[in-house]
Amino acid sequence: MFDKVVEIVSAFGYLGVFALMLLENIFPPIPSELIMPLAGFVAARGELNFAGVMAAGTAGSVVGALPWYYAGAKLGKERMKRLAKRWGYWLTMSPEDIDKASGWFDRHGKGAVFFGRLIPAVRTLISVPAGIVGMPMLLFLAYSTLGSLIWTALLALSGFVLESQYEKVSQYLDPISTGVVVSMVVYYLYRLARQRFAGRR
């Protein structure tokens, strides 16, 4: 899995990094904790520019947050919760997840968008309450971009710094990265089954 993801990033370049990070924010097929370090590896090998990798990863993350912002703005909290109850299991999103994100936003204010982008469990859904309360788009984009830039830069830098140990690190990360993806799939299926069962009850 390690080598395959590196090959994908190498083949599609910045567009691949952008697309993977966009999808990771809408529906996480591969977590950013795996995407960006491997993009950093590719940059360290000279195939991509490190600044370009950070820009592509940040742009994908921010663009991926917009559908959730607009969903919150157009639908409101209660309709979002009803949709999550009926259809959210496809995205492993529950009404409780929306309540948690809203609670985080209520406690931390608009700065929650910035800090939320740094926290894996909150990063995606923090856009929903921002849309619900009508947070100004420019401010939302500014906080989202800054938080996403820090997150993607740290992850990419870890891969960039370890490039000199690529062969050694890959021996350890290959089974780990495969395990991460398999775990994500298993966790998704578990939440899907649990939420569908809860919906039927």
N, C-alpha and C. Protein backbone atom coordinates (compact mmCIF):
# COMPACT_ATOMS: atom_id res chain seq x y z
N MET A 1 0.83 -1.20 0.00
CA MET A 1 0.00 0.00 0.00
C MET A 1 0.86 1.25 0.00
N PHE A 2 1.95 1.23 0.77
CA PHE A 2 2.86 2.38 0.83
C PHE A 2 3.35 2.75 -0.56
N ASP A 3 3.91 1.76 -1.27
CA ASP A 3 4.45 2.02 -2.60
C ASP A 3 3.36 2.40 -3.59
N LYS A 4 2.19 1.81 -3.46
CA LYS A 4 1.09 2.11 -4.39
C LYS A 4 0.64 3.55 -4.27
N VAL A 5 0.51 4.04 -3.03
CA VAL A 5 0.09 5.42 -2.84
C VAL A 5 1.16 6.38 -3.35
N VAL A 6 2.43 6.05 -3.13
CA VAL A 6 3.53 6.87 -3.65
C VAL A 6 3.47 6.91 -5.18
N GLU A 7 3.18 5.77 -5.80
CA GLU A 7 3.08 5.71 -7.26
C GLU A 7 1.94 6.58 -7.77
N ILE A 8 0.83 6.56 -7.06
CA ILE A 8 -0.33 7.37 -7.47
C ILE A 8 0.02 8.85 -7.40
N VAL A 9 0.64 9.26 -6.30
CA VAL A 9 1.01 10.67 -6.14
C VAL A 9 2.03 11.06 -7.20
N SER A 10 2.99 10.16 -7.48
CA SER A 10 4.00 10.45 -8.50
C SER A 10 3.36 10.60 -9.87
N ALA A 11 2.39 9.73 -10.16
CA ALA A 11 1.78 9.72 -11.49
C ALA A 11 0.89 10.95 -11.73
N PHE A 12 0.11 11.33 -10.73
CA PHE A 12 -0.86 12.41 -10.93
C PHE A 12 -0.40 13.75 -10.37
N GLY A 13 0.71 13.75 -9.65
CA GLY A 13 1.30 14.99 -9.18
C GLY A 13 0.39 15.79 -8.26
N TYR A 14 0.42 17.11 -8.46
CA TYR A 14 -0.33 18.01 -7.59
C TYR A 14 -1.84 17.76 -7.69
N LEU A 15 -2.31 17.42 -8.89
CA LEU A 15 -3.73 17.14 -9.06
C LEU A 15 -4.14 15.94 -8.22
N GLY A 16 -3.28 14.93 -8.16
CA GLY A 16 -3.57 13.76 -7.35
C GLY A 16 -3.63 14.09 -5.87
N VAL A 17 -2.69 14.91 -5.40
CA VAL A 17 -2.69 15.33 -4.00
C VAL A 17 -3.97 16.12 -3.71
N PHE A 18 -4.31 17.05 -4.60
CA PHE A 18 -5.52 17.86 -4.44
C PHE A 18 -6.76 16.97 -4.37
N ALA A 19 -6.90 16.05 -5.31
CA ALA A 19 -8.09 15.21 -5.39
C ALA A 19 -8.21 14.30 -4.16
N LEU A 20 -7.11 13.71 -3.73
CA LEU A 20 -7.14 12.82 -2.56
C LEU A 20 -7.54 13.58 -1.30
N MET A 21 -7.00 14.79 -1.13
CA MET A 21 -7.34 15.57 0.05
C MET A 21 -8.78 16.08 -0.02
N LEU A 22 -9.26 16.40 -1.21
CA LEU A 22 -10.65 16.81 -1.37
C LEU A 22 -11.58 15.67 -0.97
N LEU A 23 -11.31 14.48 -1.51
CA LEU A 23 -12.14 13.32 -1.18
C LEU A 23 -12.06 12.97 0.29
N GLU A 24 -10.87 13.14 0.87
CA GLU A 24 -10.68 12.80 2.29
C GLU A 24 -11.56 13.66 3.17
N ASN A 25 -11.87 14.88 2.73
CA ASN A 25 -12.71 15.78 3.52
C ASN A 25 -14.19 15.53 3.31
N ILE A 26 -14.56 14.95 2.17
CA ILE A 26 -15.97 14.65 1.91
C ILE A 26 -16.30 13.24 2.35
N PHE A 27 -15.49 12.32 1.92
CA PHE A 27 -15.65 10.91 2.28
C PHE A 27 -14.26 10.30 2.33
N PRO A 28 -13.80 9.93 3.53
CA PRO A 28 -12.39 9.57 3.68
C PRO A 28 -12.01 8.18 3.16
N PRO A 29 -11.64 8.07 1.86
CA PRO A 29 -11.16 6.78 1.36
C PRO A 29 -9.77 6.45 1.90
N ILE A 30 -8.90 7.47 1.96
CA ILE A 30 -7.56 7.33 2.53
C ILE A 30 -7.33 8.54 3.41
N PRO A 31 -6.93 8.37 4.66
CA PRO A 31 -6.78 9.51 5.57
C PRO A 31 -5.62 10.42 5.17
N SER A 32 -5.76 11.72 5.51
CA SER A 32 -4.70 12.68 5.20
C SER A 32 -3.41 12.34 5.92
N GLU A 33 -3.52 11.63 7.05
CA GLU A 33 -2.33 11.21 7.78
C GLU A 33 -1.47 10.26 6.98
N LEU A 34 -2.02 9.70 5.92
CA LEU A 34 -1.25 8.85 5.01
C LEU A 34 -0.93 9.58 3.72
N ILE A 35 -1.88 10.37 3.21
CA ILE A 35 -1.69 11.05 1.92
C ILE A 35 -0.54 12.04 1.96
N MET A 36 -0.56 12.96 2.92
CA MET A 36 0.39 14.06 2.91
C MET A 36 1.83 13.64 3.23
N PRO A 37 2.07 12.73 4.19
CA PRO A 37 3.45 12.28 4.37
C PRO A 37 4.03 11.62 3.12
N LEU A 38 3.21 10.85 2.41
CA LEU A 38 3.70 10.21 1.19
C LEU A 38 3.91 11.24 0.09
N ALA A 39 3.09 12.27 0.05
CA ALA A 39 3.33 13.37 -0.89
C ALA A 39 4.64 14.07 -0.55
N GLY A 40 4.93 14.18 0.75
CA GLY A 40 6.21 14.75 1.17
C GLY A 40 7.38 13.89 0.74
N PHE A 41 7.22 12.58 0.78
CA PHE A 41 8.24 11.65 0.28
C PHE A 41 8.54 11.94 -1.18
N VAL A 42 7.48 12.05 -1.97
CA VAL A 42 7.63 12.28 -3.41
C VAL A 42 8.32 13.62 -3.67
N ALA A 43 7.97 14.65 -2.89
CA ALA A 43 8.61 15.95 -3.05
C ALA A 43 10.10 15.88 -2.70
N ALA A 44 10.42 15.14 -1.67
CA ALA A 44 11.82 15.03 -1.26
C ALA A 44 12.65 14.31 -2.31
N ARG A 45 12.02 13.45 -3.09
CA ARG A 45 12.74 12.75 -4.16
C ARG A 45 12.91 13.63 -5.39
N GLY A 46 12.37 14.83 -5.34
CA GLY A 46 12.56 15.78 -6.44
C GLY A 46 11.51 15.70 -7.53
N GLU A 47 10.49 14.85 -7.36
CA GLU A 47 9.46 14.71 -8.38
C GLU A 47 8.41 15.81 -8.30
N LEU A 48 8.24 16.39 -7.12
CA LEU A 48 7.30 17.48 -6.91
C LEU A 48 7.98 18.55 -6.07
N ASN A 49 7.45 19.77 -6.15
CA ASN A 49 7.94 20.86 -5.32
C ASN A 49 7.23 20.81 -3.97
N PHE A 50 7.98 20.97 -2.88
CA PHE A 50 7.38 20.85 -1.55
C PHE A 50 6.30 21.90 -1.34
N ALA A 51 6.57 23.14 -1.75
CA ALA A 51 5.56 24.20 -1.61
C ALA A 51 4.31 23.88 -2.42
N GLY A 52 4.52 23.30 -3.59
CA GLY A 52 3.39 22.91 -4.42
C GLY A 52 2.56 21.82 -3.78
N VAL A 53 3.23 20.87 -3.12
CA VAL A 53 2.54 19.80 -2.41
C VAL A 53 1.67 20.38 -1.29
N MET A 54 2.25 21.30 -0.52
CA MET A 54 1.49 21.93 0.56
C MET A 54 0.29 22.70 0.02
N ALA A 55 0.51 23.44 -1.08
CA ALA A 55 -0.57 24.23 -1.67
C ALA A 55 -1.68 23.33 -2.20
N ALA A 56 -1.31 22.24 -2.89
CA ALA A 56 -2.32 21.32 -3.43
C ALA A 56 -3.09 20.64 -2.32
N GLY A 57 -2.39 20.20 -1.28
CA GLY A 57 -3.05 19.53 -0.16
C GLY A 57 -3.99 20.47 0.58
N THR A 58 -3.53 21.70 0.80
CA THR A 58 -4.36 22.69 1.48
C THR A 58 -5.59 23.05 0.65
N ALA A 59 -5.39 23.27 -0.65
CA ALA A 59 -6.51 23.62 -1.53
C ALA A 59 -7.54 22.50 -1.57
N GLY A 60 -7.09 21.26 -1.67
CA GLY A 60 -8.02 20.13 -1.68
C GLY A 60 -8.80 20.03 -0.39
N SER A 61 -8.12 20.28 0.73
CA SER A 61 -8.77 20.22 2.03
C SER A 61 -9.83 21.31 2.18
N VAL A 62 -9.50 22.52 1.73
CA VAL A 62 -10.45 23.64 1.86
C VAL A 62 -11.64 23.46 0.92
N VAL A 63 -11.38 23.08 -0.33
CA VAL A 63 -12.47 22.86 -1.28
C VAL A 63 -13.38 21.73 -0.79
N GLY A 64 -12.78 20.70 -0.19
CA GLY A 64 -13.57 19.60 0.34
C GLY A 64 -14.44 19.99 1.51
N ALA A 65 -14.10 21.09 2.18
CA ALA A 65 -14.91 21.56 3.30
C ALA A 65 -16.13 22.35 2.85
N LEU A 66 -16.10 22.88 1.64
CA LEU A 66 -17.18 23.75 1.17
C LEU A 66 -18.54 23.06 1.06
N PRO A 67 -18.62 21.82 0.54
CA PRO A 67 -19.94 21.19 0.49
C PRO A 67 -20.61 21.07 1.85
N TRP A 68 -19.82 20.81 2.90
CA TRP A 68 -20.38 20.71 4.24
C TRP A 68 -20.84 22.08 4.74
N TYR A 69 -20.07 23.13 4.42
CA TYR A 69 -20.46 24.48 4.80
C TYR A 69 -21.80 24.84 4.15
N TYR A 70 -21.91 24.62 2.85
CA TYR A 70 -23.14 24.97 2.14
C TYR A 70 -24.31 24.11 2.58
N ALA A 71 -24.04 22.86 2.93
CA ALA A 71 -25.12 22.00 3.43
C ALA A 71 -25.68 22.56 4.73
N GLY A 72 -24.78 22.99 5.62
CA GLY A 72 -25.23 23.59 6.87
C GLY A 72 -25.98 24.88 6.65
N ALA A 73 -25.49 25.71 5.71
CA ALA A 73 -26.12 27.00 5.44
C ALA A 73 -27.50 26.84 4.82
N LYS A 74 -27.65 25.90 3.91
CA LYS A 74 -28.91 25.74 3.19
C LYS A 74 -29.95 24.94 3.98
N LEU A 75 -29.49 23.96 4.74
CA LEU A 75 -30.42 23.04 5.38
C LEU A 75 -30.70 23.38 6.84
N GLY A 76 -29.73 23.94 7.53
CA GLY A 76 -29.90 24.20 8.95
C GLY A 76 -29.64 22.95 9.78
N LYS A 77 -29.54 23.14 11.07
CA LYS A 77 -29.14 22.05 11.96
C LYS A 77 -30.14 20.91 12.00
N GLU A 78 -31.42 21.24 12.18
CA GLU A 78 -32.42 20.18 12.35
C GLU A 78 -32.60 19.35 11.08
N ARG A 79 -32.61 20.00 9.93
CA ARG A 79 -32.73 19.24 8.67
C ARG A 79 -31.48 18.40 8.42
N MET A 80 -30.32 18.95 8.77
CA MET A 80 -29.09 18.17 8.64
C MET A 80 -29.14 16.93 9.52
N LYS A 81 -29.66 17.08 10.72
CA LYS A 81 -29.76 15.94 11.62
C LYS A 81 -30.75 14.90 11.09
N ARG A 82 -31.86 15.38 10.51
CA ARG A 82 -32.82 14.43 9.94
C ARG A 82 -32.22 13.68 8.76
N LEU A 83 -31.49 14.40 7.92
CA LEU A 83 -30.82 13.74 6.78
C LEU A 83 -29.76 12.77 7.27
N ALA A 84 -29.03 13.17 8.31
CA ALA A 84 -28.00 12.29 8.86
C ALA A 84 -28.62 11.02 9.43
N LYS A 85 -29.78 11.17 10.04
CA LYS A 85 -30.45 10.01 10.61
C LYS A 85 -30.91 9.05 9.53
N ARG A 86 -31.34 9.63 8.38
CA ARG A 86 -31.88 8.77 7.32
C ARG A 86 -30.80 8.25 6.37
N TRP A 87 -29.85 9.14 5.99
CA TRP A 87 -28.88 8.78 4.97
C TRP A 87 -27.42 8.87 5.42
N GLY A 88 -27.21 9.40 6.62
CA GLY A 88 -25.83 9.68 7.04
C GLY A 88 -24.95 8.46 7.19
N TYR A 89 -25.55 7.28 7.30
CA TYR A 89 -24.71 6.11 7.49
C TYR A 89 -23.81 5.84 6.29
N TRP A 90 -24.18 6.36 5.10
CA TRP A 90 -23.31 6.17 3.94
C TRP A 90 -22.00 6.93 4.09
N LEU A 91 -22.05 8.01 4.87
CA LEU A 91 -20.85 8.79 5.16
C LEU A 91 -20.40 8.60 6.60
N THR A 92 -20.98 7.61 7.27
CA THR A 92 -20.74 7.35 8.70
C THR A 92 -20.93 8.62 9.51
N MET A 93 -21.98 9.35 9.20
CA MET A 93 -22.29 10.58 9.92
C MET A 93 -23.63 10.40 10.62
N SER A 94 -23.67 10.72 11.89
CA SER A 94 -24.89 10.56 12.66
C SER A 94 -25.37 11.92 13.17
N PRO A 95 -26.61 12.01 13.61
CA PRO A 95 -27.08 13.27 14.22
C PRO A 95 -26.22 13.68 15.41
N GLU A 96 -25.72 12.69 16.15
CA GLU A 96 -24.87 12.99 17.30
C GLU A 96 -23.56 13.65 16.85
N ASP A 97 -23.05 13.25 15.69
CA ASP A 97 -21.82 13.88 15.18
C ASP A 97 -22.05 15.37 14.90
N ILE A 98 -23.21 15.68 14.37
CA ILE A 98 -23.54 17.08 14.09
C ILE A 98 -23.68 17.86 15.40
N ASP A 99 -24.29 17.23 16.40
CA ASP A 99 -24.40 17.88 17.71
C ASP A 99 -23.02 18.14 18.31
N LYS A 100 -22.12 17.17 18.18
CA LYS A 100 -20.77 17.34 18.73
C LYS A 100 -20.03 18.48 18.03
N ALA A 101 -20.13 18.52 16.71
CA ALA A 101 -19.47 19.59 15.96
C ALA A 101 -20.07 20.94 16.32
N SER A 102 -21.38 20.98 16.48
CA SER A 102 -22.05 22.24 16.86
C SER A 102 -21.64 22.67 18.26
N GLY A 103 -21.52 21.71 19.16
CA GLY A 103 -21.09 22.01 20.52
C GLY A 103 -19.68 22.56 20.55
N TRP A 104 -18.80 21.96 19.74
CA TRP A 104 -17.43 22.44 19.62
C TRP A 104 -17.43 23.88 19.11
N PHE A 105 -18.25 24.15 18.12
CA PHE A 105 -18.34 25.50 17.54
C PHE A 105 -18.87 26.49 18.58
N ASP A 106 -19.89 26.09 19.34
CA ASP A 106 -20.46 26.96 20.35
C ASP A 106 -19.44 27.30 21.44
N ARG A 107 -18.60 26.33 21.81
CA ARG A 107 -17.62 26.56 22.87
C ARG A 107 -16.47 27.44 22.42
N HIS A 108 -16.05 27.27 21.17
CA HIS A 108 -14.83 27.94 20.71
C HIS A 108 -15.08 29.07 19.73
N GLY A 109 -16.34 29.31 19.36
CA GLY A 109 -16.63 30.39 18.44
C GLY A 109 -16.08 30.15 17.05
N LYS A 110 -15.89 31.23 16.31
CA LYS A 110 -15.44 31.13 14.94
C LYS A 110 -14.04 30.52 14.84
N GLY A 111 -13.25 30.68 15.91
CA GLY A 111 -11.91 30.08 15.93
C GLY A 111 -11.95 28.57 15.88
N ALA A 112 -13.16 27.98 16.15
CA ALA A 112 -13.30 26.53 16.10
C ALA A 112 -13.00 26.00 14.71
N VAL A 113 -13.26 26.82 13.68
CA VAL A 113 -12.97 26.38 12.31
C VAL A 113 -11.46 26.19 12.13
N PHE A 114 -10.68 27.13 12.69
CA PHE A 114 -9.22 27.01 12.60
C PHE A 114 -8.73 25.80 13.38
N PHE A 115 -9.10 25.72 14.66
CA PHE A 115 -8.61 24.62 15.50
C PHE A 115 -9.19 23.29 15.05
N GLY A 116 -10.44 23.30 14.57
CA GLY A 116 -11.07 22.06 14.13
C GLY A 116 -10.35 21.43 12.96
N ARG A 117 -9.73 22.24 12.10
CA ARG A 117 -9.01 21.70 10.95
C ARG A 117 -7.76 20.94 11.37
N LEU A 118 -7.34 21.09 12.62
CA LEU A 118 -6.15 20.41 13.12
C LEU A 118 -6.50 19.13 13.86
N ILE A 119 -7.78 18.83 14.01
CA ILE A 119 -8.21 17.68 14.80
C ILE A 119 -8.94 16.69 13.91
N PRO A 120 -8.38 15.50 13.72
CA PRO A 120 -8.97 14.53 12.78
C PRO A 120 -10.45 14.26 13.01
N ALA A 121 -10.87 14.10 14.24
CA ALA A 121 -12.26 13.73 14.51
C ALA A 121 -13.24 14.86 14.25
N VAL A 122 -12.74 16.10 14.16
CA VAL A 122 -13.61 17.27 14.01
C VAL A 122 -13.46 17.92 12.65
N ARG A 123 -12.34 17.66 11.97
CA ARG A 123 -11.92 18.43 10.80
C ARG A 123 -12.99 18.57 9.73
N THR A 124 -13.70 17.51 9.43
CA THR A 124 -14.69 17.55 8.35
C THR A 124 -15.97 18.25 8.77
N LEU A 125 -16.56 17.82 9.89
CA LEU A 125 -17.90 18.29 10.25
C LEU A 125 -17.92 19.67 10.89
N ILE A 126 -16.76 20.27 11.23
CA ILE A 126 -16.77 21.60 11.81
C ILE A 126 -17.30 22.62 10.81
N SER A 127 -17.29 22.28 9.53
CA SER A 127 -17.81 23.18 8.51
C SER A 127 -19.33 23.31 8.59
N VAL A 128 -20.00 22.30 9.11
CA VAL A 128 -21.46 22.30 9.16
C VAL A 128 -21.99 23.41 10.06
N PRO A 129 -21.57 23.48 11.35
CA PRO A 129 -22.09 24.57 12.18
C PRO A 129 -21.65 25.95 11.70
N ALA A 130 -20.49 26.03 11.03
CA ALA A 130 -20.07 27.31 10.46
C ALA A 130 -21.07 27.79 9.42
N GLY A 131 -21.57 26.86 8.61
CA GLY A 131 -22.58 27.20 7.63
C GLY A 131 -23.92 27.50 8.27
N ILE A 132 -24.26 26.75 9.32
CA ILE A 132 -25.55 26.92 9.99
C ILE A 132 -25.68 28.33 10.57
N VAL A 133 -24.61 28.83 11.21
CA VAL A 133 -24.69 30.15 11.85
C VAL A 133 -24.40 31.28 10.85
N GLY A 134 -24.10 30.93 9.61
CA GLY A 134 -23.85 31.96 8.60
C GLY A 134 -22.52 32.66 8.76
N MET A 135 -21.49 31.92 9.17
CA MET A 135 -20.16 32.50 9.28
C MET A 135 -19.76 33.09 7.92
N PRO A 136 -19.28 34.34 7.87
CA PRO A 136 -18.91 34.95 6.58
C PRO A 136 -17.95 34.08 5.79
N MET A 137 -18.21 33.94 4.50
CA MET A 137 -17.43 33.03 3.67
C MET A 137 -15.94 33.37 3.69
N LEU A 138 -15.61 34.65 3.58
CA LEU A 138 -14.20 35.03 3.57
C LEU A 138 -13.50 34.63 4.86
N LEU A 139 -14.20 34.81 5.98
CA LEU A 139 -13.63 34.44 7.27
C LEU A 139 -13.51 32.92 7.38
N PHE A 140 -14.53 32.21 6.90
CA PHE A 140 -14.49 30.75 6.91
C PHE A 140 -13.31 30.24 6.07
N LEU A 141 -13.14 30.80 4.89
CA LEU A 141 -12.04 30.38 4.02
C LEU A 141 -10.68 30.71 4.65
N ALA A 142 -10.60 31.86 5.31
CA ALA A 142 -9.33 32.26 5.92
C ALA A 142 -8.95 31.30 7.04
N TYR A 143 -9.89 31.01 7.95
CA TYR A 143 -9.61 30.10 9.06
C TYR A 143 -9.36 28.68 8.55
N SER A 144 -10.16 28.24 7.59
CA SER A 144 -10.00 26.89 7.05
C SER A 144 -8.65 26.74 6.35
N THR A 145 -8.28 27.76 5.58
CA THR A 145 -7.01 27.70 4.85
C THR A 145 -5.83 27.68 5.81
N LEU A 146 -5.86 28.53 6.82
CA LEU A 146 -4.75 28.58 7.76
C LEU A 146 -4.61 27.28 8.54
N GLY A 147 -5.74 26.77 9.05
CA GLY A 147 -5.69 25.51 9.79
C GLY A 147 -5.27 24.35 8.91
N SER A 148 -5.80 24.29 7.70
CA SER A 148 -5.46 23.20 6.77
C SER A 148 -4.00 23.28 6.35
N LEU A 149 -3.49 24.51 6.16
CA LEU A 149 -2.10 24.68 5.76
C LEU A 149 -1.16 24.15 6.83
N ILE A 150 -1.44 24.46 8.08
CA ILE A 150 -0.60 23.97 9.17
C ILE A 150 -0.63 22.45 9.22
N TRP A 151 -1.84 21.88 9.13
CA TRP A 151 -2.01 20.43 9.20
C TRP A 151 -1.28 19.72 8.06
N THR A 152 -1.52 20.18 6.84
CA THR A 152 -0.90 19.52 5.68
C THR A 152 0.60 19.73 5.67
N ALA A 153 1.07 20.91 6.11
CA ALA A 153 2.50 21.18 6.13
C ALA A 153 3.22 20.26 7.11
N LEU A 154 2.64 20.07 8.29
CA LEU A 154 3.27 19.19 9.28
C LEU A 154 3.34 17.75 8.77
N LEU A 155 2.25 17.29 8.15
CA LEU A 155 2.24 15.92 7.64
C LEU A 155 3.21 15.75 6.48
N ALA A 156 3.21 16.71 5.56
CA ALA A 156 4.11 16.62 4.41
C ALA A 156 5.56 16.72 4.85
N LEU A 157 5.83 17.57 5.84
CA LEU A 157 7.20 17.75 6.32
C LEU A 157 7.74 16.46 6.93
N SER A 158 6.86 15.71 7.60
CA SER A 158 7.31 14.45 8.21
C SER A 158 7.79 13.49 7.13
N GLY A 159 7.07 13.43 6.01
CA GLY A 159 7.50 12.57 4.90
C GLY A 159 8.73 13.11 4.21
N PHE A 160 8.83 14.42 4.09
CA PHE A 160 9.97 15.06 3.43
C PHE A 160 11.25 14.80 4.21
N VAL A 161 11.19 14.94 5.53
CA VAL A 161 12.37 14.76 6.38
C VAL A 161 12.83 13.31 6.38
N LEU A 162 11.90 12.37 6.30
CA LEU A 162 12.25 10.95 6.36
C LEU A 162 12.66 10.37 5.02
N GLU A 163 12.71 11.17 3.96
CA GLU A 163 12.98 10.64 2.63
C GLU A 163 14.32 9.93 2.55
N SER A 164 15.33 10.42 3.27
CA SER A 164 16.64 9.79 3.23
C SER A 164 16.61 8.38 3.79
N GLN A 165 15.59 8.08 4.58
CA GLN A 165 15.42 6.74 5.16
C GLN A 165 14.30 5.98 4.45
N TYR A 166 14.05 6.36 3.20
CA TYR A 166 12.89 5.84 2.48
C TYR A 166 12.82 4.32 2.50
N GLU A 167 13.90 3.67 2.11
CA GLU A 167 13.87 2.21 2.02
C GLU A 167 13.61 1.59 3.38
N LYS A 168 14.27 2.13 4.39
CA LYS A 168 14.11 1.58 5.74
C LYS A 168 12.70 1.84 6.27
N VAL A 169 12.25 3.08 6.10
CA VAL A 169 10.94 3.46 6.61
C VAL A 169 9.83 2.71 5.89
N SER A 170 9.99 2.52 4.58
CA SER A 170 8.93 1.86 3.80
C SER A 170 8.69 0.44 4.29
N GLN A 171 9.72 -0.21 4.78
CA GLN A 171 9.56 -1.57 5.28
C GLN A 171 8.62 -1.61 6.47
N TYR A 172 8.65 -0.54 7.26
CA TYR A 172 7.79 -0.48 8.43
C TYR A 172 6.42 0.13 8.11
N LEU A 173 6.44 1.15 7.24
CA LEU A 173 5.19 1.85 6.95
C LEU A 173 4.28 1.10 6.00
N ASP A 174 4.83 0.24 5.16
CA ASP A 174 3.98 -0.47 4.21
C ASP A 174 2.91 -1.29 4.92
N PRO A 175 3.28 -2.16 5.89
CA PRO A 175 2.21 -2.88 6.60
C PRO A 175 1.34 -1.96 7.44
N ILE A 176 1.93 -0.87 7.97
CA ILE A 176 1.15 0.06 8.78
C ILE A 176 0.13 0.79 7.91
N SER A 177 0.60 1.29 6.75
CA SER A 177 -0.31 2.02 5.87
C SER A 177 -1.41 1.11 5.35
N THR A 178 -1.06 -0.13 5.04
CA THR A 178 -2.08 -1.10 4.63
C THR A 178 -3.08 -1.33 5.75
N GLY A 179 -2.57 -1.45 6.97
CA GLY A 179 -3.43 -1.64 8.12
C GLY A 179 -4.35 -0.46 8.36
N VAL A 180 -3.82 0.77 8.12
CA VAL A 180 -4.64 1.97 8.30
C VAL A 180 -5.82 1.96 7.35
N VAL A 181 -5.55 1.66 6.07
CA VAL A 181 -6.61 1.65 5.07
C VAL A 181 -7.63 0.55 5.37
N VAL A 182 -7.14 -0.64 5.71
CA VAL A 182 -8.04 -1.74 6.05
C VAL A 182 -8.87 -1.39 7.27
N SER A 183 -8.24 -0.77 8.26
CA SER A 183 -8.96 -0.37 9.47
C SER A 183 -10.04 0.65 9.16
N MET A 184 -9.72 1.60 8.24
CA MET A 184 -10.71 2.60 7.85
C MET A 184 -11.92 1.94 7.19
N VAL A 185 -11.65 0.96 6.33
CA VAL A 185 -12.74 0.26 5.65
C VAL A 185 -13.58 -0.52 6.65
N VAL A 186 -12.92 -1.22 7.57
CA VAL A 186 -13.64 -2.00 8.58
C VAL A 186 -14.46 -1.08 9.47
N TYR A 187 -13.87 0.05 9.88
CA TYR A 187 -14.57 1.00 10.74
C TYR A 187 -15.77 1.59 10.01
N TYR A 188 -15.58 1.89 8.73
CA TYR A 188 -16.69 2.42 7.93
C TYR A 188 -17.84 1.40 7.88
N LEU A 189 -17.51 0.16 7.60
CA LEU A 189 -18.54 -0.88 7.51
C LEU A 189 -19.23 -1.08 8.85
N TYR A 190 -18.45 -0.99 9.93
CA TYR A 190 -19.01 -1.14 11.27
C TYR A 190 -20.02 -0.02 11.56
N ARG A 191 -19.60 1.23 11.28
CA ARG A 191 -20.50 2.36 11.53
C ARG A 191 -21.71 2.31 10.59
N LEU A 192 -21.49 1.89 9.37
CA LEU A 192 -22.59 1.75 8.42
C LEU A 192 -23.63 0.77 8.95
N ALA A 193 -23.16 -0.41 9.40
CA ALA A 193 -24.06 -1.42 9.91
C ALA A 193 -24.75 -0.95 11.19
N ARG A 194 -24.00 -0.30 12.07
CA ARG A 194 -24.58 0.15 13.33
C ARG A 194 -25.65 1.21 13.13
N GLN A 195 -25.37 2.17 12.23
CA GLN A 195 -26.33 3.24 12.01
C GLN A 195 -27.56 2.75 11.26
N ARG A 196 -27.38 1.82 10.33
CA ARG A 196 -28.55 1.26 9.63
C ARG A 196 -29.41 0.48 10.60
N PHE A 197 -28.75 -0.26 11.51
CA PHE A 197 -29.51 -1.03 12.50
C PHE A 197 -30.25 -0.09 13.45
N ALA A 198 -29.57 0.99 13.85
CA ALA A 198 -30.20 1.95 14.75
C ALA A 198 -31.38 2.64 14.06
N GLY A 199 -31.22 2.91 12.74
CA GLY A 199 -32.29 3.55 11.98
C GLY A 199 -33.53 2.67 11.90
N ARG A 200 -33.30 1.38 11.72
CA ARG A 200 -34.44 0.45 11.64
C ARG A 200 -35.14 0.34 12.98
N ARG A 201 -34.35 0.40 14.09
CA ARG A 201 -34.96 0.34 15.40
C ARG A 201 -35.80 1.58 15.65
